[in-house]
C-alpha atoms as a PDB file:
ATOM      1  CA  PRO A   1      -3.818  85.553  99.391  1.00  0.00           C
ATOM      2  CA  ASP A   2      -6.445  85.026 102.091  1.00  0.00           C
ATOM      3  CA  MET A   3      -5.199  81.531 103.062  1.00  0.00           C
ATOM      4  CA  PRO A   4      -4.440  81.284 106.805  1.00  0.00           C
ATOM      5  CA  ALA A   5      -0.715  81.159 107.622  1.00  0.00           C
ATOM      6  CA  PRO A   6      -0.737  77.603 109.088  1.00  0.00           C
ATOM      7  CA  GLN A   7      -2.522  76.248 106.003  1.00  0.00           C
ATOM      8  CA  ARG A   8      -0.182  78.139 103.678  1.00  0.00           C
ATOM      9  CA  ALA A   9       2.833  76.705 105.529  1.00  0.00           C
ATOM     10  CA  LYS A  10       1.377  73.201 105.222  1.00  0.00           C
ATOM     11  CA  TYR A  11       0.922  73.414 101.444  1.00  0.00           C
ATOM     12  CA  VAL A  12       4.274  75.112 100.871  1.00  0.00           C
ATOM     13  CA  HIS A  13       5.868  72.223 102.761  1.00  0.00           C
ATOM     14  CA  ILE A  14       4.020  69.683 100.575  1.00  0.00           C
ATOM     15  CA  THR A  15       5.111  71.540  97.436  1.00  0.00           C
ATOM     16  CA  LEU A  16       8.732  71.550  98.578  1.00  0.00           C
ATOM     17  CA  ASP A  17       8.628  67.810  99.330  1.00  0.00           C
ATOM     18  CA  LYS A  18       7.217  67.099  95.863  1.00  0.00           C
ATOM     19  CA  ALA A  19       9.841  69.325  94.210  1.00  0.00           C
ATOM     20  CA  LEU A  20      12.673  67.593  96.060  1.00  0.00           C
ATOM     21  CA  ARG A  21      11.285  64.177  95.131  1.00  0.00           C
ATOM     22  CA  LEU A  22      11.057  65.239  91.485  1.00  0.00           C
ATOM     23  CA  GLU A  23      14.659  66.448  91.572  1.00  0.00           C
ATOM     24  CA  LYS A  24      15.759  63.117  93.015  1.00  0.00           C
ATOM     25  CA  LEU A  25      13.894  61.160  90.341  1.00  0.00           C
ATOM     26  CA  ILE A  26      15.334  63.259  87.520  1.00  0.00           C
ATOM     27  CA  ASN A  27      18.844  62.772  88.867  1.00  0.00           C
ATOM     28  CA  GLU A  28      18.270  59.013  89.064  1.00  0.00           C
ATOM     29  CA  PHE A  29      16.985  58.922  85.478  1.00  0.00           C
ATOM     30  CA  PHE A  30      20.073  60.757  84.258  1.00  0.00           C
ATOM     31  CA  GLU A  31      22.319  58.441  86.238  1.00  0.00           C
ATOM     32  CA  ILE A  32      20.840  55.195  84.927  1.00  0.00           C
ATOM     33  CA  THR A  33      21.057  56.588  81.382  1.00  0.00           C
ATOM     34  CA  ARG A  34      24.746  57.295  81.874  1.00  0.00           C
ATOM     35  CA  TYR A  35      25.378  53.766  83.130  1.00  0.00           C
ATOM     36  CA  ASN A  36      23.415  52.248  80.265  1.00  0.00           C
ATOM     37  CA  LEU A  37      25.575  54.097  77.754  1.00  0.00           C
ATOM     38  CA  GLN A  38      28.633  52.424  79.322  1.00  0.00           C
ATOM     39  CA  THR A  39      30.587  55.671  79.006  1.00  0.00           C
ATOM     40  CA  ILE A  40      31.506  56.052  82.652  1.00  0.00           C
ATOM     41  CA  ALA A  41      35.232  55.971  83.274  1.00  0.00           C
ATOM     42  CA  LEU A  42      36.137  54.215  86.496  1.00  0.00           C
ATOM     43  CA  GLU A  43      38.745  55.965  88.606  1.00  0.00           C
ATOM     44  CA  LYS A  44      40.405  52.827  89.898  1.00  0.00           C
ATOM     45  CA  GLU A  45      42.666  52.663  92.895  1.00  0.00           C
ATOM     46  CA  THR A  46      43.289  50.337  95.803  1.00  0.00           C
ATOM     47  CA  VAL A  47      40.004  50.318  97.736  1.00  0.00           C
ATOM     48  CA  ASN A  48      40.141  49.060 101.305  1.00  0.00           C
ATOM     49  CA  LEU A  49      36.813  47.249 101.575  1.00  0.00           C
ATOM     50  CA  SER A  50      37.217  46.662 105.303  1.00  0.00           C
ATOM     51  CA  PHE A  51      37.437  50.382 106.035  1.00  0.00           C
ATOM     52  CA  LEU A  52      34.793  51.236 103.421  1.00  0.00           C
ATOM     53  CA  LEU A  53      32.214  48.902 104.963  1.00  0.00           C
ATOM     54  CA  GLU A  54      33.079  49.997 108.493  1.00  0.00           C
ATOM     55  CA  GLN A  55      32.635  53.635 107.541  1.00  0.00           C
ATOM     56  CA  MET A  56      29.335  52.993 105.752  1.00  0.00           C
ATOM     57  CA  THR A  57      27.806  51.049 108.626  1.00  0.00           C
ATOM     58  CA  ASP A  58      28.749  53.892 110.984  1.00  0.00           C
ATOM     59  CA  GLU A  59      27.073  56.420 108.674  1.00  0.00           C
ATOM     60  CA  PHE A  60      23.841  54.404 108.748  1.00  0.00           C
ATOM     61  CA  TYR A  61      23.657  54.509 112.554  1.00  0.00           C
ATOM     62  CA  PRO A  62      20.903  57.207 112.747  1.00  0.00           C
ATOM     63  CA  ILE A  63      18.643  55.307 110.315  1.00  0.00           C
ATOM     64  CA  LEU A  64      19.356  52.004 112.048  1.00  0.00           C
ATOM     65  CA  ASN A  65      18.584  53.545 115.411  1.00  0.00           C
ATOM     66  CA  ASP A  66      15.254  54.931 114.174  1.00  0.00           C
ATOM     67  CA  HIS A  67      14.278  51.511 112.866  1.00  0.00           C
ATOM     68  CA  GLY A  68      15.590  49.619 115.884  1.00  0.00           C
ATOM     69  CA  ASN A  69      18.107  47.642 113.812  1.00  0.00           C
ATOM     70  CA  THR A  70      21.741  46.801 114.474  1.00  0.00           C
ATOM     71  CA  ILE A  71      24.539  45.726 112.139  1.00  0.00           C
ATOM     72  CA  ARG A  72      26.924  42.844 112.728  1.00  0.00           C
ATOM     73  CA  LEU A  73      30.005  43.522 110.611  1.00  0.00           C
ATOM     74  CA  GLU A  74      32.656  40.930 109.732  1.00  0.00           C
ATOM     75  CA  ALA A  75      35.001  42.599 107.264  1.00  0.00           C
ATOM     76  CA  ARG A  76      38.463  41.523 108.342  1.00  0.00           C
ATOM     77  CA  GLU A  77      40.437  38.306 108.062  1.00  0.00           C
ATOM     78  CA  GLY A  78      42.532  38.004 111.185  1.00  0.00           C
ATOM     79  CA  GLU A  79      44.544  41.199 111.437  1.00  0.00           C
ATOM     80  CA  GLY A  80      44.527  41.681 107.663  1.00  0.00           C
ATOM     81  CA  LEU A  81      42.282  44.062 105.763  1.00  0.00           C
ATOM     82  CA  ILE A  82      40.578  43.206 102.479  1.00  0.00           C
ATOM     83  CA  ALA A  83      41.133  45.319  99.360  1.00  0.00           C
ATOM     84  CA  VAL A  84      40.145  45.408  95.694  1.00  0.00           C
ATOM     85  CA  HIS A  85      41.208  47.486  92.702  1.00  0.00           C
ATOM     86  CA  GLY A  86      38.217  49.647  91.816  1.00  0.00           C
ATOM     87  CA  ASP A  87      36.386  52.938  92.023  1.00  0.00           C
ATOM     88  CA  GLY A  88      35.752  53.532  95.731  1.00  0.00           C
ATOM     89  CA  GLU A  89      33.019  56.126  95.227  1.00  0.00           C
ATOM     90  CA  LYS A  90      31.001  53.911  92.901  1.00  0.00           C
ATOM     91  CA  LEU A  91      31.478  50.790  95.020  1.00  0.00           C
ATOM     92  CA  ALA A  92      30.249  52.791  98.010  1.00  0.00           C
ATOM     93  CA  ARG A  93      27.114  53.540  95.961  1.00  0.00           C
ATOM     94  CA  VAL A  94      26.566  49.801  95.481  1.00  0.00           C
ATOM     95  CA  PHE A  95      26.739  48.966  99.187  1.00  0.00           C
ATOM     96  CA  ASN A  96      24.769  52.089 100.089  1.00  0.00           C
ATOM     97  CA  ASN A  97      21.897  50.977  97.846  1.00  0.00           C
ATOM     98  CA  ILE A  98      21.920  47.429  99.231  1.00  0.00           C
ATOM     99  CA  LEU A  99      22.081  48.587 102.859  1.00  0.00           C
ATOM    100  CA  LYS A 100      19.231  51.029 102.298  1.00  0.00           C
ATOM    101  CA  ASN A 101      17.082  48.198 101.006  1.00  0.00           C
ATOM    102  CA  ALA A 102      18.107  45.919 103.869  1.00  0.00           C
ATOM    103  CA  ILE A 103      17.046  48.513 106.444  1.00  0.00           C
ATOM    104  CA  THR A 104      13.858  49.499 104.597  1.00  0.00           C
ATOM    105  CA  TYR A 105      12.558  45.942 104.308  1.00  0.00           C
ATOM    106  CA  SER A 106      13.895  44.432 107.531  1.00  0.00           C
ATOM    107  CA  TYR A 107      11.771  43.705 110.568  1.00  0.00           C
ATOM    108  CA  PRO A 108      12.217  46.296 113.336  1.00  0.00           C
ATOM    109  CA  ASP A 109      14.615  45.374 116.136  1.00  0.00           C
ATOM    110  CA  THR A 110      16.498  42.798 114.096  1.00  0.00           C
ATOM    111  CA  GLU A 111      20.148  42.402 113.148  1.00  0.00           C
ATOM    112  CA  ILE A 112      21.534  43.069 109.670  1.00  0.00           C
ATOM    113  CA  TYR A 113      24.617  41.049 108.760  1.00  0.00           C
ATOM    114  CA  VAL A 114      27.427  42.493 106.627  1.00  0.00           C
ATOM    115  CA  GLY A 115      30.271  40.119 105.823  1.00  0.00           C
ATOM    116  CA  CYS A 116      33.320  40.398 103.597  1.00  0.00           C
ATOM    117  CA  LYS A 117      35.776  37.573 102.919  1.00  0.00           C
ATOM    118  CA  THR A 118      38.072  36.211 100.244  1.00  0.00           C
ATOM    119  CA  VAL A 119      37.085  33.132  98.262  1.00  0.00           C
ATOM    120  CA  GLY A 120      39.808  31.996  95.878  1.00  0.00           C
ATOM    121  CA  GLU A 121      40.718  34.923  93.645  1.00  0.00           C
ATOM    122  CA  ASN A 122      37.614  36.897  94.579  1.00  0.00           C
ATOM    123  CA  VAL A 123      36.185  38.950  97.412  1.00  0.00           C
ATOM    124  CA  ARG A 124      32.636  38.084  98.474  1.00  0.00           C
ATOM    125  CA  ILE A 125      30.482  40.661 100.253  1.00  0.00           C
ATOM    126  CA  ARG A 126      27.200  39.481 101.774  1.00  0.00           C
ATOM    127  CA  ILE A 127      24.460  41.640 103.270  1.00  0.00           C
ATOM    128  CA  SER A 128      21.563  39.804 104.934  1.00  0.00           C
ATOM    129  CA  ASN A 129      18.454  41.018 106.724  1.00  0.00           C
ATOM    130  CA  ARG A 130      15.403  39.449 108.320  1.00  0.00           C
ATOM    131  CA  GLY A 131      12.132  40.452 106.691  1.00  0.00           C
ATOM    132  CA  LYS A 132       9.295  39.146 104.564  1.00  0.00           C
ATOM    133  CA  THR A 133      10.502  36.548 102.085  1.00  0.00           C
ATOM    134  CA  ILE A 134      10.644  37.993  98.572  1.00  0.00           C
ATOM    135  CA  PRO A 135       8.617  35.828  96.155  1.00  0.00           C
ATOM    136  CA  ARG A 136      10.639  34.161  93.416  1.00  0.00           C
ATOM    137  CA  HIS A 137       8.954  36.114  90.580  1.00  0.00           C
ATOM    138  CA  LYS A 138       9.891  39.395  92.261  1.00  0.00           C
ATOM    139  CA  LEU A 139      13.385  38.203  93.127  1.00  0.00           C
ATOM    140  CA  ASP A 140      14.048  37.434  89.462  1.00  0.00           C
ATOM    141  CA  ALA A 141      13.195  41.051  88.549  1.00  0.00           C
ATOM    142  CA  ILE A 142      14.796  42.829  91.493  1.00  0.00           C
ATOM    143  CA  PHE A 143      17.725  44.229  89.471  1.00  0.00           C
ATOM    144  CA  GLU A 144      15.542  45.490  86.634  1.00  0.00           C
ATOM    145  CA  LYS A 145      15.120  49.237  86.122  1.00  0.00           C
ATOM    146  CA  PHE A 146      12.068  50.807  87.802  1.00  0.00           C
ATOM    147  CA  PHE A 147      11.250  47.623  89.732  1.00  0.00           C
ATOM    148  CA  ARG A 148       9.986  48.228  93.276  1.00  0.00           C
ATOM    149  CA  LEU A 149       9.107  45.603  95.857  1.00  0.00           C
ATOM    150  CA  ASP A 150       6.480  47.799  97.483  1.00  0.00           C
ATOM    151  CA  ASP A 151       4.883  50.522  95.358  1.00  0.00           C
ATOM    152  CA  ALA A 152       3.076  52.063  98.318  1.00  0.00           C
ATOM    153  CA  ARG A 153       6.254  52.308 100.367  1.00  0.00           C
ATOM    154  CA  ALA A 154       8.258  53.630  97.414  1.00  0.00           C
ATOM    155  CA  THR A 155       5.828  56.522  97.070  1.00  0.00           C
ATOM    156  CA  HIS A 156       6.752  57.702 100.545  1.00  0.00           C
ATOM    157  CA  THR A 157      10.497  57.107 100.222  1.00  0.00           C
ATOM    158  CA  GLY A 158      10.747  58.677  96.760  1.00  0.00           C
ATOM    159  CA  GLY A 159      12.535  55.722  95.181  1.00  0.00           C
ATOM    160  CA  ALA A 160      12.214  55.159  91.472  1.00  0.00           C
ATOM    161  CA  GLY A 161      13.311  51.528  91.541  1.00  0.00           C
ATOM    162  CA  LEU A 162      16.744  52.350  90.104  1.00  0.00           C
ATOM    163  CA  GLY A 163      19.055  51.726  93.060  1.00  0.00           C
ATOM    164  CA  LEU A 164      19.674  48.009  92.497  1.00  0.00           C
ATOM    165  CA  ALA A 165      19.761  48.424  88.705  1.00  0.00           C
ATOM    166  CA  ILE A 166      22.534  50.995  89.119  1.00  0.00           C
ATOM    167  CA  ALA A 167      24.308  48.700  91.603  1.00  0.00           C
ATOM    168  CA  ARG A 168      24.288  45.895  89.030  1.00  0.00           C
ATOM    169  CA  GLU A 169      25.768  48.178  86.360  1.00  0.00           C
ATOM    170  CA  ILE A 170      28.564  49.339  88.672  1.00  0.00           C
ATOM    171  CA  VAL A 171      29.437  45.787  89.724  1.00  0.00           C
ATOM    172  CA  ALA A 172      29.481  44.687  86.067  1.00  0.00           C
ATOM    173  CA  LEU A 173      31.890  47.531  85.244  1.00  0.00           C
ATOM    174  CA  HIS A 174      34.181  46.073  87.919  1.00  0.00           C
ATOM    175  CA  HIS A 175      33.966  42.601  86.270  1.00  0.00           C
ATOM    176  CA  GLY A 176      32.007  41.286  89.229  1.00  0.00           C
ATOM    177  CA  THR A 177      28.583  39.788  89.900  1.00  0.00           C
ATOM    178  CA  ILE A 178      25.648  40.623  92.181  1.00  0.00           C
ATOM    179  CA  THR A 179      22.902  38.200  93.182  1.00  0.00           C
ATOM    180  CA  ALA A 180      19.941  38.094  95.563  1.00  0.00           C
ATOM    181  CA  ASP A 181      18.381  35.226  97.482  1.00  0.00           C
ATOM    182  CA  SER A 182      15.380  35.185  99.827  1.00  0.00           C
ATOM    183  CA  ARG A 183      14.089  32.281 101.862  1.00  0.00           C
ATOM    184  CA  GLU A 184      12.645  31.657 105.326  1.00  0.00           C
ATOM    185  CA  GLU A 185      12.386  35.408 105.993  1.00  0.00           C
ATOM    186  CA  VAL A 186      16.089  36.048 105.306  1.00  0.00           C
ATOM    187  CA  THR A 187      17.103  38.066 102.246  1.00  0.00           C
ATOM    188  CA  THR A 188      20.766  38.055 101.183  1.00  0.00           C
ATOM    189  CA  PHE A 189      22.528  40.151  98.573  1.00  0.00           C
ATOM    190  CA  GLN A 190      25.928  38.925  97.470  1.00  0.00           C
ATOM    191  CA  VAL A 191      28.527  40.937  95.555  1.00  0.00           C
ATOM    192  CA  THR A 192      31.597  39.172  94.155  1.00  0.00           C
ATOM    193  CA  LEU A 193      34.590  41.225  92.987  1.00  0.00           C
ATOM    194  CA  PRO A 194      38.055  40.249  91.731  1.00  0.00           C
ATOM    195  CA  LEU A 195      40.569  40.190  94.574  1.00  0.00           C
ATOM    196  CA  TRP A 196      43.306  42.832  94.571  1.00  0.00           C
ATOM    197  CA  HIS A 197      45.469  41.901  97.524  1.00  0.00           C
ATOM    198  CA  LEU A 198      45.351  41.038 101.199  1.00  0.00           C
ATOM    199  CA  ASP A 199      47.300  41.652 104.372  1.00  0.00           C
ATOM    200  CA  ILE A 200      47.326  45.438 104.302  1.00  0.00           C
ATOM    201  CA  THR A 201      48.614  46.682 107.630  1.00  0.00           C
ATOM    202  CA  GLU A 202      46.947  49.597 109.382  1.00  0.00           C
END
């Protein structure tokens, strides 16, 4: 009761931050459990990946600006847009998780590349950033639940190491694959999904 107002405000703020972080962790635990049970029903429709990626990169502008990064987006083939048959909300979660990681672990003032193109009967989405090369033993475990590249950094960001594990589950539900590669200070995540159709006009 006798605590000075500024000190009280400081500790209330800390308590609120911890409570919000706990809420986030609990929600992530519930979510990964749901994906593990394989009971999630996908609400599939025609998903325009070109527009989805364009929208997502625009939404990340404030974070990119704070970190000094830019995004180079190549998500169209000529005048045609690229589409798949899938759950747009869940696919957005996949690319959101990958982009978050790309920004978090990229060097300041560097470019992040986001590319989307068709390869045979598939669509290939690549997201690359410049940052410290991920050692092979960590790269092999990067999609495992609760794995974090940087424990100290994760404490501040509130991550539980579930983002990429959830991304892998969502991609698998879409009969696709997700891989990661890191060499010479360039880390690339690649998502491959079955192609739906091309040449959608605006």
